[in-house]
PDB file of all heavy atoms in Angstrom:
ATOM      1  N   LEU A   1     -29.321 -31.083 -24.258  1.00  0.00           N
ATOM      2  CA  LEU A   1     -30.727 -30.860 -23.912  1.00  0.00           C
ATOM      3  C   LEU A   1     -31.646 -31.582 -24.889  1.00  0.00           C
ATOM      4  O   LEU A   1     -32.641 -32.189 -24.474  1.00  0.00           O
ATOM      5  CB  LEU A   1     -31.039 -29.365 -23.903  1.00  0.00           C
ATOM      6  CG  LEU A   1     -30.494 -28.566 -22.723  1.00  0.00           C
ATOM      7  CD1 LEU A   1     -30.773 -27.080 -22.900  1.00  0.00           C
ATOM      8  CD2 LEU A   1     -31.088 -29.055 -21.396  1.00  0.00           C
ATOM      9  N   LYS A   2     -31.331 -31.526 -26.166  1.00  0.00           N
ATOM     10  CA  LYS A   2     -32.158 -32.223 -27.152  1.00  0.00           C
ATOM     11  C   LYS A   2     -32.191 -33.719 -26.858  1.00  0.00           C
ATOM     12  O   LYS A   2     -33.261 -34.350 -26.898  1.00  0.00           O
ATOM     13  CB  LYS A   2     -31.617 -31.987 -28.570  1.00  0.00           C
ATOM     14  CG  LYS A   2     -32.429 -32.709 -29.654  1.00  0.00           C
ATOM     15  CD  LYS A   2     -31.844 -32.442 -31.031  1.00  0.00           C
ATOM     16  CE  LYS A   2     -32.702 -33.100 -32.118  1.00  0.00           C
ATOM     17  NZ  LYS A   2     -32.678 -34.580 -32.023  1.00  0.00           N
ATOM     18  N   GLU A   3     -31.043 -34.275 -26.526  1.00  0.00           N
ATOM     19  CA  GLU A   3     -30.981 -35.713 -26.261  1.00  0.00           C
ATOM     20  C   GLU A   3     -31.827 -36.100 -25.055  1.00  0.00           C
ATOM     21  O   GLU A   3     -32.589 -37.064 -25.105  1.00  0.00           O
ATOM     22  CB  GLU A   3     -29.532 -36.138 -26.038  1.00  0.00           C
ATOM     23  CG  GLU A   3     -29.373 -37.632 -25.796  1.00  0.00           C
ATOM     24  CD  GLU A   3     -27.918 -38.052 -25.664  1.00  0.00           C
ATOM     25  OE1 GLU A   3     -27.031 -37.213 -25.906  1.00  0.00           O
ATOM     26  OE2 GLU A   3     -27.677 -39.223 -25.320  1.00  0.00           O
ATOM     27  N   VAL A   4     -31.726 -35.330 -23.973  1.00  0.00           N
ATOM     28  CA  VAL A   4     -32.465 -35.703 -22.768  1.00  0.00           C
ATOM     29  C   VAL A   4     -33.955 -35.397 -22.915  1.00  0.00           C
ATOM     30  O   VAL A   4     -34.797 -36.169 -22.441  1.00  0.00           O
ATOM     31  CB  VAL A   4     -31.869 -35.015 -21.515  1.00  0.00           C
ATOM     32  CG1 VAL A   4     -32.134 -33.519 -21.503  1.00  0.00           C
ATOM     33  CG2 VAL A   4     -32.399 -35.669 -20.238  1.00  0.00           C
ATOM     34  N   PHE A   5     -34.318 -34.287 -23.571  1.00  0.00           N
ATOM     35  CA  PHE A   5     -35.731 -33.970 -23.775  1.00  0.00           C
ATOM     36  C   PHE A   5     -36.403 -35.016 -24.652  1.00  0.00           C
ATOM     37  O   PHE A   5     -37.567 -35.371 -24.439  1.00  0.00           O
ATOM     38  CB  PHE A   5     -35.884 -32.588 -24.417  1.00  0.00           C
ATOM     39  CG  PHE A   5     -35.696 -31.431 -23.474  1.00  0.00           C
ATOM     40  CD1 PHE A   5     -35.146 -30.237 -23.938  1.00  0.00           C
ATOM     41  CD2 PHE A   5     -36.063 -31.515 -22.145  1.00  0.00           C
ATOM     42  CE1 PHE A   5     -34.975 -29.151 -23.084  1.00  0.00           C
ATOM     43  CE2 PHE A   5     -35.895 -30.433 -21.278  1.00  0.00           C
ATOM     44  CZ  PHE A   5     -35.344 -29.252 -21.754  1.00  0.00           C
ATOM     45  N   THR A   6     -35.672 -35.508 -25.650  1.00  0.00           N
ATOM     46  CA  THR A   6     -36.230 -36.494 -26.571  1.00  0.00           C
ATOM     47  C   THR A   6     -36.600 -37.790 -25.848  1.00  0.00           C
ATOM     48  O   THR A   6     -37.522 -38.505 -26.255  1.00  0.00           O
ATOM     49  CB  THR A   6     -35.221 -36.790 -27.704  1.00  0.00           C
ATOM     50  OG1 THR A   6     -34.926 -35.581 -28.404  1.00  0.00           O
ATOM     51  CG2 THR A   6     -35.769 -37.813 -28.681  1.00  0.00           C
ATOM     52  N   LYS A   7     -35.909 -38.068 -24.756  1.00  0.00           N
ATOM     53  CA  LYS A   7     -36.181 -39.284 -23.978  1.00  0.00           C
ATOM     54  C   LYS A   7     -37.255 -39.066 -22.926  1.00  0.00           C
ATOM     55  O   LYS A   7     -37.559 -39.973 -22.157  1.00  0.00           O
ATOM     56  CB  LYS A   7     -34.894 -39.764 -23.313  1.00  0.00           C
ATOM     57  CG  LYS A   7     -33.798 -40.169 -24.302  1.00  0.00           C
ATOM     58  CD  LYS A   7     -32.528 -40.544 -23.570  1.00  0.00           C
ATOM     59  CE  LYS A   7     -31.425 -40.926 -24.551  1.00  0.00           C
ATOM     60  NZ  LYS A   7     -30.149 -41.237 -23.858  1.00  0.00           N
ATOM     61  N   THR A   8     -37.821 -37.860 -22.875  1.00  0.00           N
ATOM     62  CA  THR A   8     -38.795 -37.509 -21.843  1.00  0.00           C
ATOM     63  C   THR A   8     -40.200 -37.479 -22.434  1.00  0.00           C
ATOM     64  O   THR A   8     -40.451 -36.795 -23.419  1.00  0.00           O
ATOM     65  CB  THR A   8     -38.458 -36.117 -21.251  1.00  0.00           C
ATOM     66  OG1 THR A   8     -37.121 -36.131 -20.764  1.00  0.00           O
ATOM     67  CG2 THR A   8     -39.399 -35.768 -20.124  1.00  0.00           C
ATOM     68  N   ASP A   9     -41.116 -38.212 -21.819  1.00  0.00           N
ATOM     69  CA  ASP A   9     -42.472 -38.315 -22.351  1.00  0.00           C
ATOM     70  C   ASP A   9     -43.238 -36.997 -22.316  1.00  0.00           C
ATOM     71  O   ASP A   9     -44.130 -36.768 -23.136  1.00  0.00           O
ATOM     72  CB  ASP A   9     -43.265 -39.370 -21.560  1.00  0.00           C
ATOM     73  CG  ASP A   9     -42.738 -40.776 -21.783  1.00  0.00           C
ATOM     74  OD1 ASP A   9     -42.070 -40.998 -22.819  1.00  0.00           O
ATOM     75  OD2 ASP A   9     -42.970 -41.638 -20.914  1.00  0.00           O
ATOM     76  N   SER A  10     -42.897 -36.124 -21.374  1.00  0.00           N
ATOM     77  CA  SER A  10     -43.676 -34.901 -21.188  1.00  0.00           C
ATOM     78  C   SER A  10     -43.136 -33.706 -21.966  1.00  0.00           C
ATOM     79  O   SER A  10     -43.661 -32.597 -21.856  1.00  0.00           O
ATOM     80  CB  SER A  10     -43.729 -34.537 -19.696  1.00  0.00           C
ATOM     81  OG  SER A  10     -42.422 -34.361 -19.174  1.00  0.00           O
ATOM     82  N   VAL A  11     -42.069 -33.920 -22.757  1.00  0.00           N
ATOM     83  CA  VAL A  11     -41.462 -32.825 -23.518  1.00  0.00           C
ATOM     84  C   VAL A  11     -41.308 -33.242 -24.981  1.00  0.00           C
ATOM     85  O   VAL A  11     -40.915 -34.367 -25.273  1.00  0.00           O
ATOM     86  CB  VAL A  11     -40.079 -32.428 -22.951  1.00  0.00           C
ATOM     87  CG1 VAL A  11     -39.452 -31.304 -23.786  1.00  0.00           C
ATOM     88  CG2 VAL A  11     -40.197 -32.001 -21.491  1.00  0.00           C
ATOM     89  N   GLU A  12     -41.607 -32.312 -25.877  1.00  0.00           N
ATOM     90  CA  GLU A  12     -41.401 -32.547 -27.308  1.00  0.00           C
ATOM     91  C   GLU A  12     -40.527 -31.428 -27.869  1.00  0.00           C
ATOM     92  O   GLU A  12     -40.870 -30.242 -27.757  1.00  0.00           O
ATOM     93  CB  GLU A  12     -42.732 -32.564 -28.056  1.00  0.00           C
ATOM     94  CG  GLU A  12     -42.570 -32.783 -29.557  1.00  0.00           C
ATOM     95  CD  GLU A  12     -43.868 -32.672 -30.312  1.00  0.00           C
ATOM     96  OE1 GLU A  12     -44.911 -32.389 -29.687  1.00  0.00           O
ATOM     97  OE2 GLU A  12     -43.841 -32.848 -31.557  1.00  0.00           O
ATOM     98  N   VAL A  13     -39.404 -31.811 -28.441  1.00  0.00           N
ATOM     99  CA  VAL A  13     -38.557 -30.844 -29.138  1.00  0.00           C
ATOM    100  C   VAL A  13     -39.072 -30.752 -30.567  1.00  0.00           C
ATOM    101  O   VAL A  13     -38.920 -31.685 -31.354  1.00  0.00           O
ATOM    102  CB  VAL A  13     -37.074 -31.259 -29.125  1.00  0.00           C
ATOM    103  CG1 VAL A  13     -36.237 -30.266 -29.926  1.00  0.00           C
ATOM    104  CG2 VAL A  13     -36.562 -31.350 -27.691  1.00  0.00           C
ATOM    105  N   ILE A  14     -39.683 -29.611 -30.899  1.00  0.00           N
ATOM    106  CA  ILE A  14     -40.305 -29.511 -32.220  1.00  0.00           C
ATOM    107  C   ILE A  14     -39.360 -28.920 -33.259  1.00  0.00           C
ATOM    108  O   ILE A  14     -39.602 -29.042 -34.456  1.00  0.00           O
ATOM    109  CB  ILE A  14     -41.605 -28.681 -32.163  1.00  0.00           C
ATOM    110  CG1 ILE A  14     -41.323 -27.248 -31.708  1.00  0.00           C
ATOM    111  CG2 ILE A  14     -42.627 -29.349 -31.269  1.00  0.00           C
ATOM    112  CD1 ILE A  14     -42.551 -26.355 -31.784  1.00  0.00           C
ATOM    113  N   GLN A  15     -38.258 -28.294 -32.800  1.00  0.00           N
ATOM    114  CA  GLN A  15     -37.339 -27.703 -33.757  1.00  0.00           C
ATOM    115  C   GLN A  15     -36.008 -27.392 -33.073  1.00  0.00           C
ATOM    116  O   GLN A  15     -35.968 -27.012 -31.901  1.00  0.00           O
ATOM    117  CB  GLN A  15     -37.932 -26.400 -34.318  1.00  0.00           C
ATOM    118  CG  GLN A  15     -37.283 -25.904 -35.584  1.00  0.00           C
ATOM    119  CD  GLN A  15     -38.030 -24.710 -36.168  1.00  0.00           C
ATOM    120  OE1 GLN A  15     -38.842 -24.090 -35.497  1.00  0.00           O
ATOM    121  NE2 GLN A  15     -37.752 -24.383 -37.420  1.00  0.00           N
ATOM    122  N   VAL A  16     -34.923 -27.578 -33.813  1.00  0.00           N
ATOM    123  CA  VAL A  16     -33.596 -27.123 -33.385  1.00  0.00           C
ATOM    124  C   VAL A  16     -33.088 -26.204 -34.480  1.00  0.00           C
ATOM    125  O   VAL A  16     -32.942 -26.620 -35.630  1.00  0.00           O
ATOM    126  CB  VAL A  16     -32.619 -28.298 -33.177  1.00  0.00           C
ATOM    127  CG1 VAL A  16     -31.246 -27.762 -32.768  1.00  0.00           C
ATOM    128  CG2 VAL A  16     -33.141 -29.261 -32.114  1.00  0.00           C
ATOM    129  N   ILE A  17     -32.834 -24.941 -34.107  1.00  0.00           N
ATOM    130  CA  ILE A  17     -32.459 -23.936 -35.097  1.00  0.00           C
ATOM    131  C   ILE A  17     -31.014 -23.502 -34.894  1.00  0.00           C
ATOM    132  O   ILE A  17     -30.668 -23.011 -33.818  1.00  0.00           O
ATOM    133  CB  ILE A  17     -33.368 -22.692 -34.994  1.00  0.00           C
ATOM    134  CG1 ILE A  17     -34.839 -23.091 -35.090  1.00  0.00           C
ATOM    135  CG2 ILE A  17     -33.018 -21.681 -36.089  1.00  0.00           C
ATOM    136  CD1 ILE A  17     -35.795 -21.931 -34.899  1.00  0.00           C
ATOM    137  N   PRO A  18     -30.160 -23.672 -35.885  1.00  0.00           N
ATOM    138  CA  PRO A  18     -28.796 -23.136 -35.773  1.00  0.00           C
ATOM    139  C   PRO A  18     -28.846 -21.618 -35.644  1.00  0.00           C
ATOM    140  O   PRO A  18     -29.717 -20.965 -36.234  1.00  0.00           O
ATOM    141  CB  PRO A  18     -28.133 -23.560 -37.085  1.00  0.00           C
ATOM    142  CG  PRO A  18     -28.986 -24.677 -37.609  1.00  0.00           C
ATOM    143  CD  PRO A  18     -30.383 -24.370 -37.159  1.00  0.00           C
ATOM    144  N   SER A  19     -27.923 -21.059 -34.902  1.00  0.00           N
ATOM    145  CA  SER A  19     -27.945 -19.611 -34.673  1.00  0.00           C
ATOM    146  C   SER A  19     -26.923 -18.872 -35.523  1.00  0.00           C
ATOM    147  O   SER A  19     -26.889 -17.643 -35.530  1.00  0.00           O
ATOM    148  CB  SER A  19     -27.672 -19.309 -33.200  1.00  0.00           C
ATOM    149  OG  SER A  19     -26.384 -19.769 -32.820  1.00  0.00           O
ATOM    150  N   ARG A  20     -26.082 -19.585 -36.245  1.00  0.00           N
ATOM    151  CA  ARG A  20     -25.013 -18.931 -36.994  1.00  0.00           C
ATOM    152  C   ARG A  20     -25.451 -18.534 -38.393  1.00  0.00           C
ATOM    153  O   ARG A  20     -26.333 -19.145 -38.979  1.00  0.00           O
ATOM    154  CB  ARG A  20     -23.796 -19.853 -37.076  1.00  0.00           C
ATOM    155  CG  ARG A  20     -23.241 -20.189 -35.707  1.00  0.00           C
ATOM    156  CD  ARG A  20     -21.858 -20.769 -35.800  1.00  0.00           C
ATOM    157  NE  ARG A  20     -21.301 -20.990 -34.470  1.00  0.00           N
ATOM    158  CZ  ARG A  20     -20.024 -21.188 -34.231  1.00  0.00           C
ATOM    159  NH1 ARG A  20     -19.168 -21.180 -35.215  1.00  0.00           N
ATOM    160  NH2 ARG A  20     -19.596 -21.392 -33.005  1.00  0.00           N
ATOM    161  N   GLY A  21     -24.799 -17.527 -38.898  1.00  0.00           N
ATOM    162  CA  GLY A  21     -25.079 -17.067 -40.249  1.00  0.00           C
ATOM    163  C   GLY A  21     -26.528 -16.663 -40.415  1.00  0.00           C
ATOM    164  O   GLY A  21     -27.107 -15.999 -39.564  1.00  0.00           O
ATOM    165  N   ASN A  22     -27.130 -17.068 -41.530  1.00  0.00           N
ATOM    166  CA  ASN A  22     -28.523 -16.729 -41.801  1.00  0.00           C
ATOM    167  C   ASN A  22     -29.479 -17.843 -41.426  1.00  0.00           C
ATOM    168  O   ASN A  22     -30.665 -17.783 -41.741  1.00  0.00           O
ATOM    169  CB  ASN A  22     -28.697 -16.406 -43.298  1.00  0.00           C
ATOM    170  CG  ASN A  22     -27.932 -15.161 -43.705  1.00  0.00           C
ATOM    171  OD1 ASN A  22     -27.876 -14.196 -42.943  1.00  0.00           O
ATOM    172  ND2 ASN A  22     -27.350 -15.191 -44.891  1.00  0.00           N
ATOM    173  N   ALA A  23     -28.955 -18.860 -40.739  1.00  0.00           N
ATOM    174  CA  ALA A  23     -29.789 -20.028 -40.443  1.00  0.00           C
ATOM    175  C   ALA A  23     -31.002 -19.661 -39.612  1.00  0.00           C
ATOM    176  O   ALA A  23     -32.116 -20.129 -39.870  1.00  0.00           O
ATOM    177  CB  ALA A  23     -28.951 -21.090 -39.728  1.00  0.00           C
ATOM    178  N   LEU A  24     -30.795 -18.814 -38.593  1.00  0.00           N
ATOM    179  CA  LEU A  24     -31.915 -18.442 -37.735  1.00  0.00           C
ATOM    180  C   LEU A  24     -32.921 -17.599 -38.509  1.00  0.00           C
ATOM    181  O   LEU A  24     -34.126 -17.819 -38.410  1.00  0.00           O
ATOM    182  CB  LEU A  24     -31.407 -17.694 -36.508  1.00  0.00           C
ATOM    183  CG  LEU A  24     -32.476 -17.245 -35.502  1.00  0.00           C
ATOM    184  CD1 LEU A  24     -33.306 -18.436 -35.041  1.00  0.00           C
ATOM    185  CD2 LEU A  24     -31.842 -16.546 -34.314  1.00  0.00           C
ATOM    186  N   SER A  25     -32.425 -16.648 -39.257  1.00  0.00           N
ATOM    187  CA  SER A  25     -33.322 -15.788 -40.033  1.00  0.00           C
ATOM    188  C   SER A  25     -34.136 -16.597 -41.037  1.00  0.00           C
ATOM    189  O   SER A  25     -35.320 -16.326 -41.259  1.00  0.00           O
ATOM    190  CB  SER A  25     -32.514 -14.712 -40.758  1.00  0.00           C
ATOM    191  OG  SER A  25     -31.882 -13.863 -39.825  1.00  0.00           O
TER     192      SER A  25
END
């Protein structure tokens, strides 16, 4: 999803957050 959204003019991926461990917190 990040790869395809990044190639799309109408969408901006502002953050990708890992969900494991304390990364999300």
